Amino acid sequence: MAGRFLRELTIRQLRALAAVHKHRSVTAAAKQLHLTQPAVTLQLRNLQALAGLSLIQRTGDGMLLTDAGREVLALTERIEAAIVSCETSLDMITGKTAGRISIGAVSTAKYFVPFAISAFSRAYPNIDVTLSIGNRQEIGTALRGYDLDIAIMGRPPVDVPMNVHLIGDHPHVIIAPTGHRLARKARLSLTALADETFLTREPGSGTRGLMEQLFETAGVRPKIGMAMSSNETIKQAVIAGLGIAFISAHTVATELDERRLVTLDVDGLPVVRQWFVLARKDKVLLPPAQAMLDFLSAKGAQFLPRTHGRLRLTRSSARATR
């Protein structure tokens, strides 16, 4: 009986019980609830039928709760508290002052996205932000499964309608150890790199796909050494002299500053793509997520690692960015 009781009771029945307990009178309870006396009596009768127990007893002091009635009253108080808490949360979410946001970012974006989230969180300290990092395929899969509110990536999925907003430019370069034999050479062709060993990201990575496209267009087949799932590992491997790499300039800004790495002056580089923040068109964004989307669209560019002065822009790559 208890299982059936819990499944079928209504908030109106519980409020009728609470009002009778408060006033010890069905008449007064009906006035508080803006109902007729028969309507309150019906709610109480149905509630007691569901419980299978008497919840109220008539006494000389008015209508009092039985032991079973007090148990149900305790449930009523918990439910009312939960409703108030939910209403408060919804009000806060509506005002963009609280809530949760789920963000996905391709791994290369981890060099600027945390700084953007930090700035957003200072303005909205009660909004919880969850950040998931993965390669392009993984973030695309999460978007298709509605697991993310918004995503930051370089190439939006083409099979899902998206609202796409530009963040800023995303240059890609070829890096080498500081003492590499080609470090001081100017206007190298991709053909001149045919004998070099390239360290690359794993298949499915956007950077790997862009590199393959670049060399295929030039009719050059690069010699692949190791495939790695981490830009950090690639950087350390290049510094150690295991090869050179085609990589996002945003991932190596610090190493270029510290002269632990150099960019090779290759004709056609840097290849400049863009960073985008996007959301599914058919996913309803609550105000906190919409606020984050608007924030990244308007201010995301200021968190991109600065590469000006570190990269040599050749004439051909300058044409490619126009």
Protein backbone atom coordinates (compact mmCIF):
# COMPACT_ATOMS: atom_id res chain seq x y z
CA MET A 1 0.00 0.00 0.00
CA ALA A 2 2.81 2.43 0.88
CA GLY A 3 4.37 2.17 -2.60
CA ARG A 4 1.02 2.88 -4.26
CA PHE A 5 0.44 5.72 -1.78
CA LEU A 6 3.71 7.47 -2.58
CA ARG A 7 3.19 7.17 -6.32
CA GLU A 8 -0.36 8.54 -6.44
CA LEU A 9 -0.59 11.30 -3.83
CA THR A 10 -0.81 14.88 -5.04
CA ILE A 11 0.55 18.17 -3.77
CA ARG A 12 -3.03 19.45 -3.34
CA GLN A 13 -3.78 16.59 -0.93
CA LEU A 14 -0.63 17.26 1.06
CA ARG A 15 -1.36 20.97 1.30
CA ALA A 16 -4.88 20.23 2.49
CA LEU A 17 -3.44 18.09 5.29
CA ALA A 18 -0.90 20.77 6.24
CA ALA A 19 -3.58 23.48 6.32
CA VAL A 20 -5.86 21.40 8.53
CA HIS A 21 -2.95 20.73 10.88
CA LYS A 22 -2.18 24.45 11.04
CA HIS A 23 -5.74 25.63 11.69
CA ARG A 24 -7.24 22.47 13.24
CA SER A 25 -10.29 23.18 11.10
CA VAL A 26 -11.42 22.18 7.64
CA THR A 27 -13.27 25.46 7.27
CA ALA A 28 -10.18 27.56 8.08
CA ALA A 29 -8.04 25.32 5.89
CA ALA A 30 -10.42 25.85 2.97
CA LYS A 31 -10.19 29.63 3.44
CA GLN A 32 -6.36 29.53 3.42
CA LEU A 33 -6.31 27.36 0.29
CA HIS A 34 -9.04 29.36 -1.48
CA LEU A 35 -11.12 26.21 -1.86
CA THR A 36 -14.57 25.17 -0.75
CA GLN A 37 -14.95 23.12 2.41
CA PRO A 38 -16.18 20.06 0.45
CA ALA A 39 -13.13 20.31 -1.85
CA VAL A 40 -10.75 20.16 1.13
CA THR A 41 -12.71 17.31 2.67
CA LEU A 42 -12.45 15.39 -0.62
CA GLN A 43 -8.68 15.92 -0.78
CA LEU A 44 -8.29 14.61 2.76
CA ARG A 45 -10.57 11.62 2.11
CA ASN A 46 -8.58 10.67 -1.01
CA LEU A 47 -5.26 11.07 0.81
CA GLN A 48 -6.39 8.81 3.66
CA ALA A 49 -7.67 6.26 1.15
CA LEU A 50 -4.25 6.16 -0.49
CA ALA A 51 -2.50 5.84 2.87
CA GLY A 52 -4.88 3.13 4.07
CA LEU A 53 -4.70 4.77 7.49
CA SER A 54 -6.47 7.51 9.40
CA LEU A 55 -4.40 10.68 9.18
CA ILE A 56 -6.75 13.02 11.10
CA GLN A 57 -8.85 12.61 14.21
CA ARG A 58 -11.54 14.87 15.61
CA THR A 59 -10.95 16.01 19.20
CA GLY A 60 -12.27 18.65 21.53
CA ASP A 61 -9.33 20.80 20.45
CA GLY A 62 -10.17 20.51 16.78
CA MET A 63 -8.77 18.37 13.97
CA LEU A 64 -5.46 16.78 15.03
CA LEU A 65 -3.05 14.53 13.14
CA THR A 66 -2.57 10.91 14.04
CA ASP A 67 0.90 9.37 14.16
CA ALA A 68 0.49 8.42 10.50
CA GLY A 69 -0.67 11.95 9.72
CA ARG A 70 2.45 13.41 11.31
CA GLU A 71 4.61 11.18 9.11
CA VAL A 72 2.81 12.45 6.02
CA LEU A 73 3.11 16.03 7.31
CA ALA A 74 6.90 15.58 7.56
CA LEU A 75 6.90 14.44 3.93
CA THR A 76 4.83 17.50 3.02
CA GLU A 77 7.36 19.82 4.65
CA ARG A 78 10.25 18.19 2.76
CA ILE A 79 8.41 18.45 -0.54
CA GLU A 80 7.51 22.10 0.02
CA ALA A 81 11.15 22.87 0.89
CA ALA A 82 12.30 21.12 -2.30
CA ILE A 83 9.80 23.15 -4.34
CA VAL A 84 11.04 26.41 -2.83
CA SER A 85 14.64 25.40 -3.51
CA CYS A 86 13.80 24.53 -7.10
CA GLU A 87 11.97 27.83 -7.61
CA THR A 88 14.98 29.72 -6.24
CA SER A 89 17.33 27.83 -8.54
CA LEU A 90 15.15 28.51 -11.57
CA ASP A 91 14.95 32.19 -10.70
CA MET A 92 18.73 32.32 -10.39
CA ILE A 93 19.20 30.48 -13.68
CA THR A 94 16.79 32.87 -15.39
CA GLY A 95 18.86 35.74 -14.07
CA LYS A 96 22.10 34.08 -15.28
CA THR A 97 23.42 34.15 -11.73
CA ALA A 98 23.54 30.41 -11.17
CA GLY A 99 23.28 27.11 -12.97
CA ARG A 100 25.51 24.69 -14.85
CA ILE A 101 27.26 24.84 -18.20
CA SER A 102 28.85 21.92 -20.04
CA ILE A 103 31.63 22.97 -22.42
CA GLY A 104 33.65 20.79 -24.78
CA ALA A 105 36.91 21.90 -26.36
CA VAL A 106 39.39 20.27 -28.68
CA SER A 107 42.71 19.64 -26.94
CA THR A 108 44.52 22.49 -28.70
CA ALA A 109 42.03 24.94 -27.17
CA LYS A 110 43.13 24.11 -23.63
CA TYR A 111 45.83 26.76 -23.99
CA PHE A 112 43.25 29.55 -23.84
CA VAL A 113 39.82 28.22 -22.86
CA PRO A 114 40.60 27.89 -19.11
CA PHE A 115 41.58 31.58 -19.02
CA ALA A 116 38.30 32.54 -20.67
CA ILE A 117 36.33 30.38 -18.21
CA SER A 118 38.20 31.98 -15.31
CA ALA A 119 37.23 35.47 -16.48
CA PHE A 120 33.60 34.39 -16.98
CA SER A 121 33.51 32.78 -13.52
CA ARG A 122 34.67 36.00 -11.88
CA ALA A 123 31.61 37.71 -13.35
CA TYR A 124 29.27 34.78 -12.57
CA PRO A 125 30.74 33.04 -9.50
CA ASN A 126 27.68 30.85 -8.83
CA ILE A 127 27.63 29.21 -12.25
CA ASP A 128 29.30 25.79 -12.34
CA VAL A 129 31.26 25.14 -15.52
CA THR A 130 32.28 21.66 -16.63
CA LEU A 131 35.04 21.49 -19.25
CA SER A 132 35.65 18.37 -21.33
CA ILE A 133 38.77 18.11 -23.51
CA GLY A 134 39.05 15.73 -26.46
CA ASN A 135 40.05 15.52 -30.08
CA ARG A 136 37.80 16.73 -32.86
CA GLN A 137 36.03 13.38 -33.28
CA GLU A 138 35.34 13.08 -29.55
CA ILE A 139 33.92 16.58 -29.24
CA GLY A 140 31.82 16.04 -32.36
CA THR A 141 30.39 12.84 -30.87
CA ALA A 142 29.53 14.65 -27.62
CA LEU A 143 27.74 17.37 -29.58
CA ARG A 144 25.73 14.82 -31.53
CA GLY A 145 24.69 13.17 -28.27
CA TYR A 146 23.51 16.48 -26.73
CA ASP A 147 26.11 16.04 -23.96
CA LEU A 148 27.47 19.58 -24.38
CA ASP A 149 25.89 23.01 -24.22
CA ILE A 150 28.63 24.62 -26.29
CA ALA A 151 31.92 23.61 -27.90
CA ILE A 152 35.12 25.32 -28.99
CA MET A 153 36.82 23.94 -32.07
CA GLY A 154 38.34 24.85 -35.40
CA ARG A 155 36.00 23.07 -37.81
CA PRO A 156 32.34 22.72 -36.87
CA PRO A 157 30.72 19.36 -37.63
CA VAL A 158 29.09 19.41 -41.05
CA ASP A 159 26.40 16.82 -40.29
CA VAL A 160 24.67 18.72 -37.46
CA PRO A 161 23.07 22.19 -37.82
CA MET A 162 25.06 24.57 -35.63
CA ASN A 163 24.98 28.16 -34.48
CA VAL A 164 28.59 29.16 -35.09
CA HIS A 165 30.39 32.26 -33.78
CA LEU A 166 33.94 33.32 -34.63
CA ILE A 167 36.43 33.72 -31.80
CA GLY A 168 39.61 34.55 -33.74
CA ASP A 169 42.49 33.40 -35.93
CA HIS A 170 44.27 30.12 -35.29
CA PRO A 171 47.71 29.90 -36.98
CA HIS A 172 49.54 26.61 -37.55
CA VAL A 173 53.29 26.34 -38.00
CA ILE A 174 56.11 23.82 -38.32
CA ILE A 175 58.34 23.74 -35.27
CA ALA A 176 61.87 22.44 -34.82
CA PRO A 177 64.55 22.39 -32.10
CA THR A 178 66.47 25.65 -31.81
CA GLY A 179 69.62 24.10 -33.26
CA HIS A 180 67.94 22.43 -36.23
CA ARG A 181 69.86 22.60 -39.51
CA LEU A 182 66.97 24.43 -41.22
CA ALA A 183 66.28 26.86 -38.39
CA ARG A 184 68.01 29.78 -40.14
CA LYS A 185 66.92 28.96 -43.68
CA ALA A 186 64.45 31.30 -45.42
CA ARG A 187 61.53 30.50 -47.69
CA LEU A 188 61.78 26.74 -47.45
CA SER A 189 59.48 24.69 -49.65
CA LEU A 190 57.50 21.76 -48.33
CA THR A 191 59.53 19.59 -50.69
CA ALA A 192 62.66 20.56 -48.74
CA LEU A 193 61.11 18.88 -45.70
CA ALA A 194 60.50 15.53 -47.41
CA ASP A 195 63.40 13.87 -45.59
CA GLU A 196 62.48 15.23 -42.17
CA THR A 197 60.77 13.04 -39.59
CA PHE A 198 57.41 14.47 -38.53
CA LEU A 199 55.88 13.90 -35.12
CA THR A 200 52.10 14.10 -35.43
CA ARG A 201 48.84 14.00 -33.55
CA GLU A 202 46.70 10.87 -33.63
CA PRO A 203 44.27 10.15 -36.51
CA GLY A 204 41.01 12.01 -35.81
CA SER A 205 42.82 15.11 -34.64
CA GLY A 206 42.00 18.33 -36.49
CA THR A 207 45.69 19.27 -36.55
CA ARG A 208 46.60 15.92 -38.11
CA GLY A 209 43.94 16.37 -40.78
CA LEU A 210 45.12 19.89 -41.59
CA MET A 211 48.73 18.72 -41.93
CA GLU A 212 47.74 15.90 -44.26
CA GLN A 213 45.72 18.33 -46.38
CA LEU A 214 48.66 20.76 -46.58
CA PHE A 215 51.15 18.15 -47.77
CA GLU A 216 48.69 16.45 -50.11
CA THR A 217 48.04 19.79 -51.84
CA ALA A 218 51.81 20.22 -52.31
CA GLY A 219 52.19 16.67 -53.63
CA VAL A 220 54.58 15.77 -50.79
CA ARG A 221 54.37 12.68 -48.61
CA PRO A 222 55.87 13.52 -45.19
CA LYS A 223 57.86 10.90 -43.30
CA ILE A 224 55.84 10.15 -40.17
CA GLY A 225 57.78 9.17 -37.07
CA MET A 226 55.48 8.86 -34.07
CA ALA A 227 51.80 9.68 -33.58
CA MET A 228 50.98 11.18 -30.19
CA SER A 229 47.70 12.15 -28.55
CA SER A 230 49.16 15.12 -26.68
CA ASN A 231 50.55 18.42 -27.94
CA GLU A 232 52.69 18.57 -24.81
CA THR A 233 54.34 15.27 -25.69
CA ILE A 234 54.95 16.42 -29.26
CA LYS A 235 56.60 19.63 -28.03
CA GLN A 236 58.93 17.76 -25.68
CA ALA A 237 59.78 15.23 -28.37
CA VAL A 238 60.69 18.02 -30.80
CA ILE A 239 62.80 19.75 -28.15
CA ALA A 240 64.55 16.40 -27.59
CA GLY A 241 65.44 16.21 -31.28
CA LEU A 242 63.18 13.31 -32.28
CA GLY A 243 61.75 15.21 -35.26
CA ILE A 244 59.81 18.28 -36.31
CA ALA A 245 56.08 18.88 -36.13
CA PHE A 246 53.17 20.72 -37.73
CA ILE A 247 51.31 22.19 -34.79
CA SER A 248 49.06 25.00 -33.59
CA ALA A 249 51.08 28.12 -32.86
CA HIS A 250 48.89 28.66 -29.80
CA THR A 251 50.31 25.51 -28.21
CA VAL A 252 53.96 26.64 -28.48
CA ALA A 253 53.81 30.36 -27.61
CA THR A 254 55.74 29.87 -24.36
CA GLU A 255 58.40 27.62 -25.90
CA LEU A 256 58.95 30.10 -28.73
CA ASP A 257 59.32 32.92 -26.22
CA GLU A 258 61.87 30.90 -24.27
CA ARG A 259 63.73 29.90 -27.46
CA ARG A 260 63.33 26.21 -26.74
CA LEU A 261 61.64 25.87 -30.12
CA VAL A 262 61.72 27.77 -33.39
CA THR A 263 59.31 27.96 -36.30
CA LEU A 264 60.68 27.04 -39.70
CA ASP A 265 60.22 29.65 -42.42
CA VAL A 266 58.23 27.50 -44.83
CA ASP A 267 56.54 28.92 -47.90
CA GLY A 268 52.78 28.92 -47.35
CA LEU A 269 52.99 28.95 -43.56
CA PRO A 270 51.54 29.73 -41.15
CA VAL A 271 48.30 28.11 -42.22
CA VAL A 272 45.68 30.30 -40.58
CA ARG A 273 42.37 28.79 -39.61
CA GLN A 274 39.84 30.10 -37.08
CA TRP A 275 38.56 29.27 -33.64
CA PHE A 276 34.79 29.01 -33.26
CA VAL A 277 32.38 28.66 -30.38
CA LEU A 278 29.25 26.79 -31.38
CA ALA A 279 26.07 25.16 -30.16
CA ARG A 280 23.49 22.88 -31.74
CA LYS A 281 20.63 24.81 -33.31
CA ASP A 282 18.11 22.38 -31.87
CA LYS A 283 19.46 22.49 -28.30
CA VAL A 284 17.74 24.95 -25.97
CA LEU A 285 20.38 26.89 -24.06
CA LEU A 286 19.45 28.03 -20.57
CA PRO A 287 20.49 31.62 -19.74
CA PRO A 288 23.84 30.64 -18.12
CA ALA A 289 24.95 28.71 -21.22
CA GLN A 290 23.73 31.50 -23.48
CA ALA A 291 25.69 33.98 -21.36
CA MET A 292 28.86 31.91 -21.82
CA LEU A 293 28.25 31.65 -25.56
CA ASP A 294 27.81 35.43 -25.80
CA PHE A 295 30.90 36.00 -23.64
CA LEU A 296 33.15 33.80 -25.80
CA SER A 297 31.77 35.34 -28.99
CA ALA A 298 32.45 38.87 -27.80
CA LYS A 299 35.61 38.48 -25.73
CA GLY A 300 37.12 35.07 -26.53
CA ALA A 301 39.77 36.52 -28.85
CA GLN A 302 41.48 38.39 -26.01
CA PHE A 303 42.40 35.08 -24.37
CA LEU A 304 44.13 33.62 -27.42
CA PRO A 305 47.91 33.20 -26.92
CA ARG A 306 49.77 36.06 -28.57
CA THR A 307 51.92 34.96 -31.49
CA HIS A 308 52.64 38.32 -33.15
CA GLY A 309 56.36 38.78 -33.69
CA ARG A 310 57.06 35.07 -33.23
CA LEU A 311 55.85 33.92 -36.65
CA ARG A 312 57.18 34.84 -40.04
CA LEU A 313 54.23 35.34 -42.37
CA THR A 314 55.21 34.54 -45.95
CA ARG A 315 53.55 36.18 -48.88
CA SER A 316 51.73 33.00 -49.89
CA SER A 317 50.35 32.36 -46.41
CA ALA A 318 49.26 35.99 -46.16
CA ARG A 319 47.19 35.50 -49.31
CA ALA A 320 45.66 32.34 -47.85
CA THR A 321 44.29 34.23 -44.84
CA ARG A 322 42.50 36.93 -46.79
